[in-house]
Amino acid sequence: MKGTVKIGDKNVEMFANALTPVLYKRIFHKDFLLESQKKDMDMTIFQELAFVMAKQANATSAKELMNGLGIDDYYEWLGNFEAMEIMEKVNEIFALYHSQTKTTSKSKKNP
């Protein structure tokens, strides 16, 4: 799912698909789904998710993403925003991520 989230004074294009949690784990060495379900969840996971989704929106290929992103890229990207700007958009970022997990197919058992 693709969308735009206004973070501070910047319109940030974001994209989420099945590759998103794979990239998240590759860069941050933790599982986004497990992290997001923790009772004492660290809110920085949404900053990290926003980074992955923003990079996906502007990438030319999955290969570029898999081989070209690292923690230093995250720190550089994060430096473009004020301290709380991303946190203020947590709901929008998570909704965009979650929208790609919905299915439009109908069950054959329960029409």
PDB file of N, CA and C in Angstrom:
ATOM      1  N   MET A   1       0.851  -1.174   0.000  1.00  0.00           N
ATOM      2  CA  MET A   1       0.000   0.000   0.000  1.00  0.00           C
ATOM      3  C   MET A   1       0.890   1.229   0.000  1.00  0.00           C
ATOM      4  N   LYS A   2       0.568   2.178  -0.809  1.00  0.00           N
ATOM      5  CA  LYS A   2       1.337   3.408  -0.913  1.00  0.00           C
ATOM      6  C   LYS A   2       0.517   4.577  -0.391  1.00  0.00           C
ATOM      7  N   GLY A   3       1.203   5.516   0.231  1.00  0.00           N
ATOM      8  CA  GLY A   3       0.534   6.692   0.747  1.00  0.00           C
ATOM      9  C   GLY A   3       1.541   7.760   1.123  1.00  0.00           C
ATOM     10  N   THR A   4       1.035   8.906   1.510  1.00  0.00           N
ATOM     11  CA  THR A   4       1.873  10.018   1.926  1.00  0.00           C
ATOM     12  C   THR A   4       1.504  10.404   3.351  1.00  0.00           C
ATOM     13  N   VAL A   5       2.533  10.593   4.167  1.00  0.00           N
ATOM     14  CA  VAL A   5       2.339  11.033   5.547  1.00  0.00           C
ATOM     15  C   VAL A   5       3.094  12.341   5.708  1.00  0.00           C
ATOM     16  N   LYS A   6       2.411  13.365   6.198  1.00  0.00           N
ATOM     17  CA  LYS A   6       3.067  14.647   6.433  1.00  0.00           C
ATOM     18  C   LYS A   6       3.727  14.601   7.805  1.00  0.00           C
ATOM     19  N   ILE A   7       5.051  14.612   7.797  1.00  0.00           N
ATOM     20  CA  ILE A   7       5.830  14.585   9.029  1.00  0.00           C
ATOM     21  C   ILE A   7       6.516  15.935   9.154  1.00  0.00           C
ATOM     22  N   GLY A   8       6.103  16.702  10.148  1.00  0.00           N
ATOM     23  CA  GLY A   8       6.600  18.070  10.258  1.00  0.00           C
ATOM     24  C   GLY A   8       6.142  18.846   9.043  1.00  0.00           C
ATOM     25  N   ASP A   9       7.079  19.452   8.336  1.00  0.00           N
ATOM     26  CA  ASP A   9       6.722  20.199   7.127  1.00  0.00           C
ATOM     27  C   ASP A   9       7.048  19.424   5.849  1.00  0.00           C
ATOM     28  N   LYS A  10       7.324  18.121   5.983  1.00  0.00           N
ATOM     29  CA  LYS A  10       7.707  17.295   4.838  1.00  0.00           C
ATOM     30  C   LYS A  10       6.621  16.271   4.515  1.00  0.00           C
ATOM     31  N   ASN A  11       6.300  16.149   3.239  1.00  0.00           N
ATOM     32  CA  ASN A  11       5.422  15.080   2.772  1.00  0.00           C
ATOM     33  C   ASN A  11       6.309  13.875   2.480  1.00  0.00           C
ATOM     34  N   VAL A  12       6.106  12.800   3.219  1.00  0.00           N
ATOM     35  CA  VAL A  12       6.945  11.618   3.087  1.00  0.00           C
ATOM     36  C   VAL A  12       6.143  10.502   2.425  1.00  0.00           C
ATOM     37  N   GLU A  13       6.586  10.110   1.225  1.00  0.00           N
ATOM     38  CA  GLU A  13       5.965   8.984   0.540  1.00  0.00           C
ATOM     39  C   GLU A  13       6.354   7.709   1.271  1.00  0.00           C
ATOM     40  N   MET A  14       5.385   6.819   1.467  1.00  0.00           N
ATOM     41  CA  MET A  14       5.640   5.554   2.142  1.00  0.00           C
ATOM     42  C   MET A  14       4.965   4.432   1.380  1.00  0.00           C
ATOM     43  N   PHE A  15       5.571   3.271   1.476  1.00  0.00           N
ATOM     44  CA  PHE A  15       5.059   2.092   0.784  1.00  0.00           C
ATOM     45  C   PHE A  15       5.270   0.878   1.673  1.00  0.00           C
ATOM     46  N   ALA A  16       4.257   0.028   1.772  1.00  0.00           N
ATOM     47  CA  ALA A  16       4.358  -1.195   2.572  1.00  0.00           C
ATOM     48  C   ALA A  16       3.853  -2.373   1.760  1.00  0.00           C
ATOM     49  N   ASN A  17       4.582  -3.471   1.867  1.00  0.00           N
ATOM     50  CA  ASN A  17       4.157  -4.729   1.257  1.00  0.00           C
ATOM     51  C   ASN A  17       4.803  -5.872   2.029  1.00  0.00           C
ATOM     52  N   ALA A  18       4.804  -7.063   1.464  1.00  0.00           N
ATOM     53  CA  ALA A  18       5.353  -8.225   2.161  1.00  0.00           C
ATOM     54  C   ALA A  18       6.848  -8.094   2.443  1.00  0.00           C
ATOM     55  N   LEU A  19       7.535  -7.252   1.699  1.00  0.00           N
ATOM     56  CA  LEU A  19       8.968  -7.061   1.904  1.00  0.00           C
ATOM     57  C   LEU A  19       9.264  -6.181   3.130  1.00  0.00           C
ATOM     58  N   THR A  20       8.313  -5.398   3.561  1.00  0.00           N
ATOM     59  CA  THR A  20       8.533  -4.449   4.658  1.00  0.00           C
ATOM     60  C   THR A  20       9.074  -5.111   5.930  1.00  0.00           C
ATOM     61  N   PRO A  21       8.433  -6.147   6.469  1.00  0.00           N
ATOM     62  CA  PRO A  21       8.991  -6.746   7.685  1.00  0.00           C
ATOM     63  C   PRO A  21      10.342  -7.433   7.460  1.00  0.00           C
ATOM     64  N   VAL A  22      10.583  -7.902   6.251  1.00  0.00           N
ATOM     65  CA  VAL A  22      11.876  -8.522   5.925  1.00  0.00           C
ATOM     66  C   VAL A  22      12.975  -7.468   5.972  1.00  0.00           C
ATOM     67  N   LEU A  23      12.732  -6.318   5.361  1.00  0.00           N
ATOM     68  CA  LEU A  23      13.696  -5.219   5.388  1.00  0.00           C
ATOM     69  C   LEU A  23      13.912  -4.729   6.809  1.00  0.00           C
ATOM     70  N   TYR A  24      12.838  -4.613   7.554  1.00  0.00           N
ATOM     71  CA  TYR A  24      12.934  -4.165   8.946  1.00  0.00           C
ATOM     72  C   TYR A  24      13.880  -5.079   9.723  1.00  0.00           C
ATOM     73  N   LYS A  25      13.685  -6.376   9.570  1.00  0.00           N
ATOM     74  CA  LYS A  25      14.531  -7.327  10.292  1.00  0.00           C
ATOM     75  C   LYS A  25      15.978  -7.272   9.810  1.00  0.00           C
ATOM     76  N   ARG A  26      16.170  -7.115   8.523  1.00  0.00           N
ATOM     77  CA  ARG A  26      17.526  -7.058   7.959  1.00  0.00           C
ATOM     78  C   ARG A  26      18.297  -5.846   8.486  1.00  0.00           C
ATOM     79  N   ILE A  27      17.626  -4.724   8.605  1.00  0.00           N
ATOM     80  CA  ILE A  27      18.287  -3.490   9.034  1.00  0.00           C
ATOM     81  C   ILE A  27      18.423  -3.423  10.549  1.00  0.00           C
ATOM     82  N   PHE A  28      17.343  -3.744  11.261  1.00  0.00           N
ATOM     83  CA  PHE A  28      17.312  -3.517  12.708  1.00  0.00           C
ATOM     84  C   PHE A  28      17.510  -4.789  13.547  1.00  0.00           C
ATOM     85  N   HIS A  29      17.574  -5.942  12.905  1.00  0.00           N
ATOM     86  CA  HIS A  29      17.840  -7.220  13.575  1.00  0.00           C
ATOM     87  C   HIS A  29      16.815  -7.563  14.646  1.00  0.00           C
ATOM     88  N   LYS A  30      15.565  -7.224  14.354  1.00  0.00           N
ATOM     89  CA  LYS A  30      14.463  -7.599  15.234  1.00  0.00           C
ATOM     90  C   LYS A  30      13.192  -7.731  14.401  1.00  0.00           C
ATOM     91  N   ASP A  31      12.247  -8.475  14.907  1.00  0.00           N
ATOM     92  CA  ASP A  31      11.013  -8.766  14.199  1.00  0.00           C
ATOM     93  C   ASP A  31       9.975  -7.689  14.510  1.00  0.00           C
ATOM     94  N   PHE A  32       9.526  -6.954  13.489  1.00  0.00           N
ATOM     95  CA  PHE A  32       8.581  -5.861  13.705  1.00  0.00           C
ATOM     96  C   PHE A  32       7.289  -6.353  14.348  1.00  0.00           C
ATOM     97  N   LEU A  33       6.752  -7.463  13.874  1.00  0.00           N
ATOM     98  CA  LEU A  33       5.479  -7.942  14.410  1.00  0.00           C
ATOM     99  C   LEU A  33       5.597  -8.298  15.889  1.00  0.00           C
ATOM    100  N   LEU A  34       6.672  -8.948  16.271  1.00  0.00           N
ATOM    101  CA  LEU A  34       6.872  -9.269  17.681  1.00  0.00           C
ATOM    102  C   LEU A  34       7.092  -8.009  18.511  1.00  0.00           C
ATOM    103  N   GLU A  35       7.885  -7.091  17.991  1.00  0.00           N
ATOM    104  CA  GLU A  35       8.152  -5.839  18.707  1.00  0.00           C
ATOM    105  C   GLU A  35       6.881  -5.030  18.919  1.00  0.00           C
ATOM    106  N   SER A  36       6.021  -4.983  17.905  1.00  0.00           N
ATOM    107  CA  SER A  36       4.810  -4.165  17.982  1.00  0.00           C
ATOM    108  C   SER A  36       3.748  -4.760  18.896  1.00  0.00           C
ATOM    109  N   GLN A  37       3.906  -6.015  19.290  1.00  0.00           N
ATOM    110  CA  GLN A  37       2.938  -6.665  20.170  1.00  0.00           C
ATOM    111  C   GLN A  37       3.368  -6.675  21.636  1.00  0.00           C
ATOM    112  N   LYS A  38       4.549  -6.179  21.915  1.00  0.00           N
ATOM    113  CA  LYS A  38       5.031  -6.162  23.293  1.00  0.00           C
ATOM    114  C   LYS A  38       4.235  -5.169  24.134  1.00  0.00           C
ATOM    115  N   LYS A  39       3.990  -5.560  25.380  1.00  0.00           N
ATOM    116  CA  LYS A  39       3.239  -4.692  26.287  1.00  0.00           C
ATOM    117  C   LYS A  39       4.008  -3.403  26.572  1.00  0.00           C
ATOM    118  N   ASP A  40       5.323  -3.513  26.742  1.00  0.00           N
ATOM    119  CA  ASP A  40       6.167  -2.346  27.013  1.00  0.00           C
ATOM    120  C   ASP A  40       6.932  -1.937  25.748  1.00  0.00           C
ATOM    121  N   MET A  41       6.169  -1.772  24.680  1.00  0.00           N
ATOM    122  CA  MET A  41       6.721  -1.494  23.362  1.00  0.00           C
ATOM    123  C   MET A  41       7.516  -0.186  23.343  1.00  0.00           C
ATOM    124  N   ASP A  42       8.672  -0.245  22.728  1.00  0.00           N
ATOM    125  CA  ASP A  42       9.509   0.929  22.517  1.00  0.00           C
ATOM    126  C   ASP A  42       8.972   1.662  21.283  1.00  0.00           C
ATOM    127  N   MET A  43       8.598   2.894  21.438  1.00  0.00           N
ATOM    128  CA  MET A  43       7.985   3.642  20.342  1.00  0.00           C
ATOM    129  C   MET A  43       8.939   3.906  19.171  1.00  0.00           C
ATOM    130  N   THR A  44      10.220   3.705  19.373  1.00  0.00           N
ATOM    131  CA  THR A  44      11.146   3.922  18.258  1.00  0.00           C
ATOM    132  C   THR A  44      10.917   2.924  17.136  1.00  0.00           C
ATOM    133  N   ILE A  45      10.204   1.830  17.415  1.00  0.00           N
ATOM    134  CA  ILE A  45       9.941   0.888  16.322  1.00  0.00           C
ATOM    135  C   ILE A  45       9.122   1.542  15.214  1.00  0.00           C
ATOM    136  N   PHE A  46       8.319   2.531  15.562  1.00  0.00           N
ATOM    137  CA  PHE A  46       7.542   3.223  14.529  1.00  0.00           C
ATOM    138  C   PHE A  46       8.415   4.186  13.726  1.00  0.00           C
ATOM    139  N   GLN A  47       9.430   4.733  14.352  1.00  0.00           N
ATOM    140  CA  GLN A  47      10.402   5.534  13.595  1.00  0.00           C
ATOM    141  C   GLN A  47      11.135   4.631  12.615  1.00  0.00           C
ATOM    142  N   GLU A  48      11.500   3.464  13.080  1.00  0.00           N
ATOM    143  CA  GLU A  48      12.209   2.510  12.226  1.00  0.00           C
ATOM    144  C   GLU A  48      11.311   2.033  11.091  1.00  0.00           C
ATOM    145  N   LEU A  49      10.045   1.747  11.406  1.00  0.00           N
ATOM    146  CA  LEU A  49       9.091   1.331  10.383  1.00  0.00           C
ATOM    147  C   LEU A  49       8.890   2.441   9.355  1.00  0.00           C
ATOM    148  N   ALA A  50       8.769   3.674   9.822  1.00  0.00           N
ATOM    149  CA  ALA A  50       8.594   4.804   8.907  1.00  0.00           C
ATOM    150  C   ALA A  50       9.782   4.902   7.949  1.00  0.00           C
ATOM    151  N   PHE A  51      10.983   4.704   8.466  1.00  0.00           N
ATOM    152  CA  PHE A  51      12.187   4.733   7.634  1.00  0.00           C
ATOM    153  C   PHE A  51      12.111   3.663   6.541  1.00  0.00           C
ATOM    154  N   VAL A  52      11.805   2.433   6.920  1.00  0.00           N
ATOM    155  CA  VAL A  52      11.743   1.341   5.945  1.00  0.00           C
ATOM    156  C   VAL A  52      10.699   1.635   4.878  1.00  0.00           C
ATOM    157  N   MET A  53       9.525   2.081   5.301  1.00  0.00           N
ATOM    158  CA  MET A  53       8.455   2.358   4.350  1.00  0.00           C
ATOM    159  C   MET A  53       8.799   3.528   3.433  1.00  0.00           C
ATOM    160  N   ALA A  54       9.475   4.547   3.965  1.00  0.00           N
ATOM    161  CA  ALA A  54       9.880   5.691   3.145  1.00  0.00           C
ATOM    162  C   ALA A  54      10.912   5.256   2.105  1.00  0.00           C
ATOM    163  N   LYS A  55      11.836   4.419   2.508  1.00  0.00           N
ATOM    164  CA  LYS A  55      12.849   3.944   1.564  1.00  0.00           C
ATOM    165  C   LYS A  55      12.230   3.049   0.502  1.00  0.00           C
ATOM    166  N   GLN A  56      11.256   2.243   0.884  1.00  0.00           N
ATOM    167  CA  GLN A  56      10.568   1.399  -0.097  1.00  0.00           C
ATOM    168  C   GLN A  56       9.847   2.239  -1.147  1.00  0.00           C
ATOM    169  N   ALA A  57       9.274   3.343  -0.737  1.00  0.00           N
ATOM    170  CA  ALA A  57       8.508   4.185  -1.659  1.00  0.00           C
ATOM    171  C   ALA A  57       9.391   4.796  -2.736  1.00  0.00           C
ATOM    172  N   ASN A  58      10.670   4.971  -2.435  1.00  0.00           N
ATOM    173  CA  ASN A  58      11.561   5.645  -3.381  1.00  0.00           C
ATOM    174  C   ASN A  58      12.588   4.726  -4.024  1.00  0.00           C
ATOM    175  N   ALA A  59      12.509   3.446  -3.761  1.00  0.00           N
ATOM    176  CA  ALA A  59      13.490   2.502  -4.305  1.00  0.00           C
ATOM    177  C   ALA A  59      13.136   2.105  -5.732  1.00  0.00           C
ATOM    178  N   THR A  60      14.159   1.777  -6.489  1.00  0.00           N
ATOM    179  CA  THR A  60      13.932   1.326  -7.860  1.00  0.00           C
ATOM    180  C   THR A  60      13.812  -0.190  -7.947  1.00  0.00           C
ATOM    181  N   SER A  61      14.314  -0.912  -6.926  1.00  0.00           N
ATOM    182  CA  SER A  61      14.217  -2.369  -6.942  1.00  0.00           C
ATOM    183  C   SER A  61      14.359  -2.939  -5.531  1.00  0.00           C
ATOM    184  N   ALA A  62      13.891  -4.166  -5.370  1.00  0.00           N
ATOM    185  CA  ALA A  62      14.050  -4.859  -4.087  1.00  0.00           C
ATOM    186  C   ALA A  62      15.526  -5.125  -3.819  1.00  0.00           C
ATOM    187  N   LYS A  63      16.278  -5.391  -4.859  1.00  0.00           N
ATOM    188  CA  LYS A  63      17.718  -5.650  -4.704  1.00  0.00           C
ATOM    189  C   LYS A  63      18.418  -4.426  -4.125  1.00  0.00           C
ATOM    190  N   GLU A  64      18.049  -3.257  -4.614  1.00  0.00           N
ATOM    191  CA  GLU A  64      18.612  -2.012  -4.085  1.00  0.00           C
ATOM    192  C   GLU A  64      18.329  -1.896  -2.591  1.00  0.00           C
ATOM    193  N   LEU A  65      17.110  -2.224  -2.198  1.00  0.00           N
ATOM    194  CA  LEU A  65      16.729  -2.139  -0.796  1.00  0.00           C
ATOM    195  C   LEU A  65      17.483  -3.154   0.058  1.00  0.00           C
ATOM    196  N   MET A  66      17.542  -4.379  -0.411  1.00  0.00           N
ATOM    197  CA  MET A  66      18.167  -5.446   0.370  1.00  0.00           C
ATOM    198  C   MET A  66      19.665  -5.233   0.544  1.00  0.00           C
ATOM    199  N   ASN A  67      20.322  -4.662  -0.442  1.00  0.00           N
ATOM    200  CA  ASN A  67      21.769  -4.504  -0.387  1.00  0.00           C
ATOM    201  C   ASN A  67      22.235  -3.106  -0.032  1.00  0.00           C
ATOM    202  N   GLY A  68      21.328  -2.144  -0.098  1.00  0.00           N
ATOM    203  CA  GLY A  68      21.776  -0.771   0.021  1.00  0.00           C
ATOM    204  C   GLY A  68      21.392  -0.020   1.279  1.00  0.00           C
ATOM    205  N   LEU A  69      20.664  -0.642   2.184  1.00  0.00           N
ATOM    206  CA  LEU A  69      20.228   0.080   3.382  1.00  0.00           C
ATOM    207  C   LEU A  69      20.899  -0.465   4.630  1.00  0.00           C
ATOM    208  N   GLY A  70      21.242   0.454   5.509  1.00  0.00           N
ATOM    209  CA  GLY A  70      21.844   0.057   6.774  1.00  0.00           C
ATOM    210  C   GLY A  70      21.471   1.028   7.875  1.00  0.00           C
ATOM    211  N   ILE A  71      21.989   0.769   9.042  1.00  0.00           N
ATOM    212  CA  ILE A  71      21.664   1.583  10.218  1.00  0.00           C
ATOM    213  C   ILE A  71      22.132   3.026  10.051  1.00  0.00           C
ATOM    214  N   ASP A  72      23.246   3.238   9.364  1.00  0.00           N
ATOM    215  CA  ASP A  72      23.721   4.609   9.134  1.00  0.00           C
ATOM    216  C   ASP A  72      22.741   5.401   8.276  1.00  0.00           C
ATOM    217  N   ASP A  73      22.104   4.728   7.318  1.00  0.00           N
ATOM    218  CA  ASP A  73      21.085   5.388   6.491  1.00  0.00           C
ATOM    219  C   ASP A  73      19.896   5.806   7.353  1.00  0.00           C
ATOM    220  N   TYR A  74      19.548   4.963   8.296  1.00  0.00           N
ATOM    221  CA  TYR A  74      18.455   5.275   9.222  1.00  0.00           C
ATOM    222  C   TYR A  74      18.775   6.519  10.044  1.00  0.00           C
ATOM    223  N   TYR A  75      19.967   6.568  10.605  1.00  0.00           N
ATOM    224  CA  TYR A  75      20.350   7.728  11.419  1.00  0.00           C
ATOM    225  C   TYR A  75      20.360   9.008  10.585  1.00  0.00           C
ATOM    226  N   GLU A  76      20.826   8.909   9.365  1.00  0.00           N
ATOM    227  CA  GLU A  76      20.844  10.083   8.485  1.00  0.00           C
ATOM    228  C   GLU A  76      19.418  10.536   8.180  1.00  0.00           C
ATOM    229  N   TRP A  77      18.536   9.595   7.855  1.00  0.00           N
ATOM    230  CA  TRP A  77      17.141   9.917   7.548  1.00  0.00           C
ATOM    231  C   TRP A  77      16.444  10.522   8.762  1.00  0.00           C
ATOM    232  N   LEU A  78      16.670   9.925   9.930  1.00  0.00           N
ATOM    233  CA  LEU A  78      16.036  10.390  11.158  1.00  0.00           C
ATOM    234  C   LEU A  78      16.440  11.823  11.496  1.00  0.00           C
ATOM    235  N   GLY A  79      17.650  12.199  11.126  1.00  0.00           N
ATOM    236  CA  GLY A  79      18.133  13.550  11.382  1.00  0.00           C
ATOM    237  C   GLY A  79      17.401  14.633  10.612  1.00  0.00           C
ATOM    238  N   ASN A  80      16.544  14.249   9.682  1.00  0.00           N
ATOM    239  CA  ASN A  80      15.764  15.217   8.908  1.00  0.00           C
ATOM    240  C   ASN A  80      14.510  15.705   9.630  1.00  0.00           C
ATOM    241  N   PHE A  81      14.254  15.152  10.821  1.00  0.00           N
ATOM    242  CA  PHE A  81      13.012  15.466  11.527  1.00  0.00           C
ATOM    243  C   PHE A  81      13.293  15.946  12.944  1.00  0.00           C
ATOM    244  N   GLU A  82      12.361  16.705  13.481  1.00  0.00           N
ATOM    245  CA  GLU A  82      12.432  17.131  14.877  1.00  0.00           C
ATOM    246  C   GLU A  82      12.105  15.935  15.769  1.00  0.00           C
ATOM    247  N   ALA A  83      12.423  16.053  17.041  1.00  0.00           N
ATOM    248  CA  ALA A  83      12.336  14.933  17.976  1.00  0.00           C
ATOM    249  C   ALA A  83      10.993  14.208  17.972  1.00  0.00           C
ATOM    250  N   MET A  84       9.900  14.900  18.015  1.00  0.00           N
ATOM    251  CA  MET A  84       8.597  14.249  18.164  1.00  0.00           C
ATOM    252  C   MET A  84       7.764  14.201  16.882  1.00  0.00           C
ATOM    253  N   GLU A  85       8.274  14.692  15.785  1.00  0.00           N
ATOM    254  CA  GLU A  85       7.467  14.769  14.562  1.00  0.00           C
ATOM    255  C   GLU A  85       6.985  13.403  14.077  1.00  0.00           C
ATOM    256  N   ILE A  86       7.836  12.413  14.117  1.00  0.00           N
ATOM    257  CA  ILE A  86       7.417  11.081  13.661  1.00  0.00           C
ATOM    258  C   ILE A  86       6.453  10.465  14.664  1.00  0.00           C
ATOM    259  N   MET A  87       6.734  10.653  15.942  1.00  0.00           N
ATOM    260  CA  MET A  87       5.867  10.083  16.979  1.00  0.00           C
ATOM    261  C   MET A  87       4.437  10.609  16.875  1.00  0.00           C
ATOM    262  N   GLU A  88       4.288  11.844  16.434  1.00  0.00           N
ATOM    263  CA  GLU A  88       2.955  12.426  16.275  1.00  0.00           C
ATOM    264  C   GLU A  88       2.169  11.753  15.151  1.00  0.00           C
ATOM    265  N   LYS A  89       2.849  11.014  14.294  1.00  0.00           N
ATOM    266  CA  LYS A  89       2.214  10.375  13.134  1.00  0.00           C
ATOM    267  C   LYS A  89       2.162   8.858  13.244  1.00  0.00           C
ATOM    268  N   VAL A  90       2.390   8.336  14.442  1.00  0.00           N
ATOM    269  CA  VAL A  90       2.412   6.882  14.647  1.00  0.00           C
ATOM    270  C   VAL A  90       1.148   6.219  14.115  1.00  0.00           C
ATOM    271  N   ASN A  91      -0.008   6.774  14.413  1.00  0.00           N
ATOM    272  CA  ASN A  91      -1.264   6.159  13.971  1.00  0.00           C
ATOM    273  C   ASN A  91      -1.368   6.096  12.453  1.00  0.00           C
ATOM    274  N   GLU A  92      -0.991   7.160  11.770  1.00  0.00           N
ATOM    275  CA  GLU A  92      -1.046   7.176  10.308  1.00  0.00           C
ATOM    276  C   GLU A  92      -0.067   6.174   9.706  1.00  0.00           C
ATOM    277  N   ILE A  93       1.137   6.120  10.258  1.00  0.00           N
ATOM    278  CA  ILE A  93       2.168   5.206   9.744  1.00  0.00           C
ATOM    279  C   ILE A  93       1.714   3.763   9.938  1.00  0.00           C
ATOM    280  N   PHE A  94       1.232   3.441  11.137  1.00  0.00           N
ATOM    281  CA  PHE A  94       0.805   2.074  11.402  1.00  0.00           C
ATOM    282  C   PHE A  94      -0.421   1.713  10.567  1.00  0.00           C
ATOM    283  N   ALA A  95      -1.349   2.645  10.388  1.00  0.00           N
ATOM    284  CA  ALA A  95      -2.536   2.383   9.564  1.00  0.00           C
ATOM    285  C   ALA A  95      -2.139   2.088   8.124  1.00  0.00           C
ATOM    286  N   LEU A  96      -1.173   2.818   7.605  1.00  0.00           N
ATOM    287  CA  LEU A  96      -0.703   2.578   6.244  1.00  0.00           C
ATOM    288  C   LEU A  96      -0.048   1.205   6.148  1.00  0.00           C
ATOM    289  N   TYR A  97       0.781   0.872   7.128  1.00  0.00           N
ATOM    290  CA  TYR A  97       1.406  -0.456   7.139  1.00  0.00           C
ATOM    291  C   TYR A  97       0.332  -1.542   7.230  1.00  0.00           C
ATOM    292  N   HIS A  98      -0.597  -1.372   8.137  1.00  0.00           N
ATOM    293  CA  HIS A  98      -1.635  -2.375   8.364  1.00  0.00           C
ATOM    294  C   HIS A  98      -2.566  -2.529   7.161  1.00  0.00           C
ATOM    295  N   SER A  99      -2.773  -1.483   6.399  1.00  0.00           N
ATOM    296  CA  SER A  99      -3.692  -1.556   5.258  1.00  0.00           C
ATOM    297  C   SER A  99      -3.216  -2.539   4.205  1.00  0.00           C
ATOM    298  N   GLN A 100      -1.918  -2.802   4.137  1.00  0.00           N
ATOM    299  CA  GLN A 100      -1.419  -3.751   3.148  1.00  0.00           C
ATOM    300  C   GLN A 100      -1.633  -5.194   3.577  1.00  0.00           C
ATOM    301  N   THR A 101      -2.029  -5.419   4.827  1.00  0.00           N
ATOM    302  CA  THR A 101      -2.239  -6.789   5.302  1.00  0.00           C
ATOM    303  C   THR A 101      -3.683  -7.255   5.129  1.00  0.00           C
ATOM    304  N   LYS A 102      -4.556  -6.358   4.738  1.00  0.00           N
ATOM    305  CA  LYS A 102      -5.961  -6.731   4.550  1.00  0.00           C
ATOM    306  C   LYS A 102      -6.114  -7.480   3.237  1.00  0.00           C
ATOM    307  N   THR A 103      -7.040  -8.384   3.218  1.00  0.00           N
ATOM    308  CA  THR A 103      -7.310  -9.146   2.003  1.00  0.00           C
ATOM    309  C   THR A 103      -8.645  -8.713   1.403  1.00  0.00           C
ATOM    310  N   THR A 104      -8.750  -8.848   0.102  1.00  0.00           N
ATOM    311  CA  THR A 104     -10.016  -8.530  -0.567  1.00  0.00           C
ATOM    312  C   THR A 104     -10.689  -9.796  -1.047  1.00  0.00           C
ATOM    313  N   SER A 105     -10.068 -10.952  -0.821  1.00  0.00           N
ATOM    314  CA  SER A 105     -10.661 -12.217  -1.278  1.00  0.00           C
ATOM    315  C   SER A 105     -11.752 -12.656  -0.308  1.00  0.00           C
ATOM    316  N   LYS A 106     -12.688 -13.407  -0.852  1.00  0.00           N
ATOM    317  CA  LYS A 106     -13.793 -13.913  -0.044  1.00  0.00           C
ATOM    318  C   LYS A 106     -13.574 -15.396   0.231  1.00  0.00           C
ATOM    319  N   SER A 107     -13.987 -15.802   1.404  1.00  0.00           N
ATOM    320  CA  SER A 107     -13.869 -17.197   1.794  1.00  0.00           C
ATOM    321  C   SER A 107     -14.793 -18.062   0.939  1.00  0.00           C
ATOM    322  N   LYS A 108     -14.300 -19.201   0.492  1.00  0.00           N
ATOM    323  CA  LYS A 108     -15.133 -20.117  -0.293  1.00  0.00           C
ATOM    324  C   LYS A 108     -16.086 -20.896   0.603  1.00  0.00           C
ATOM    325  N   LYS A 109     -15.723 -21.030   1.877  1.00  0.00           N
ATOM    326  CA  LYS A 109     -16.567 -21.762   2.816  1.00  0.00           C
ATOM    327  C   LYS A 109     -17.753 -20.929   3.282  1.00  0.00           C
ATOM    328  N   ASN A 110     -17.546 -19.635   3.476  1.00  0.00           N
ATOM    329  CA  ASN A 110     -18.599 -18.744   3.962  1.00  0.00           C
ATOM    330  C   ASN A 110     -18.819 -17.605   2.977  1.00  0.00           C
ATOM    331  N   PRO A 111     -19.549 -17.849   1.905  1.00  0.00           N
ATOM    332  CA  PRO A 111     -19.725 -16.813   0.871  1.00  0.00           C
ATOM    333  C   PRO A 111     -20.475 -15.598   1.319  1.00  0.00           C
TER     334      PRO A 111
END
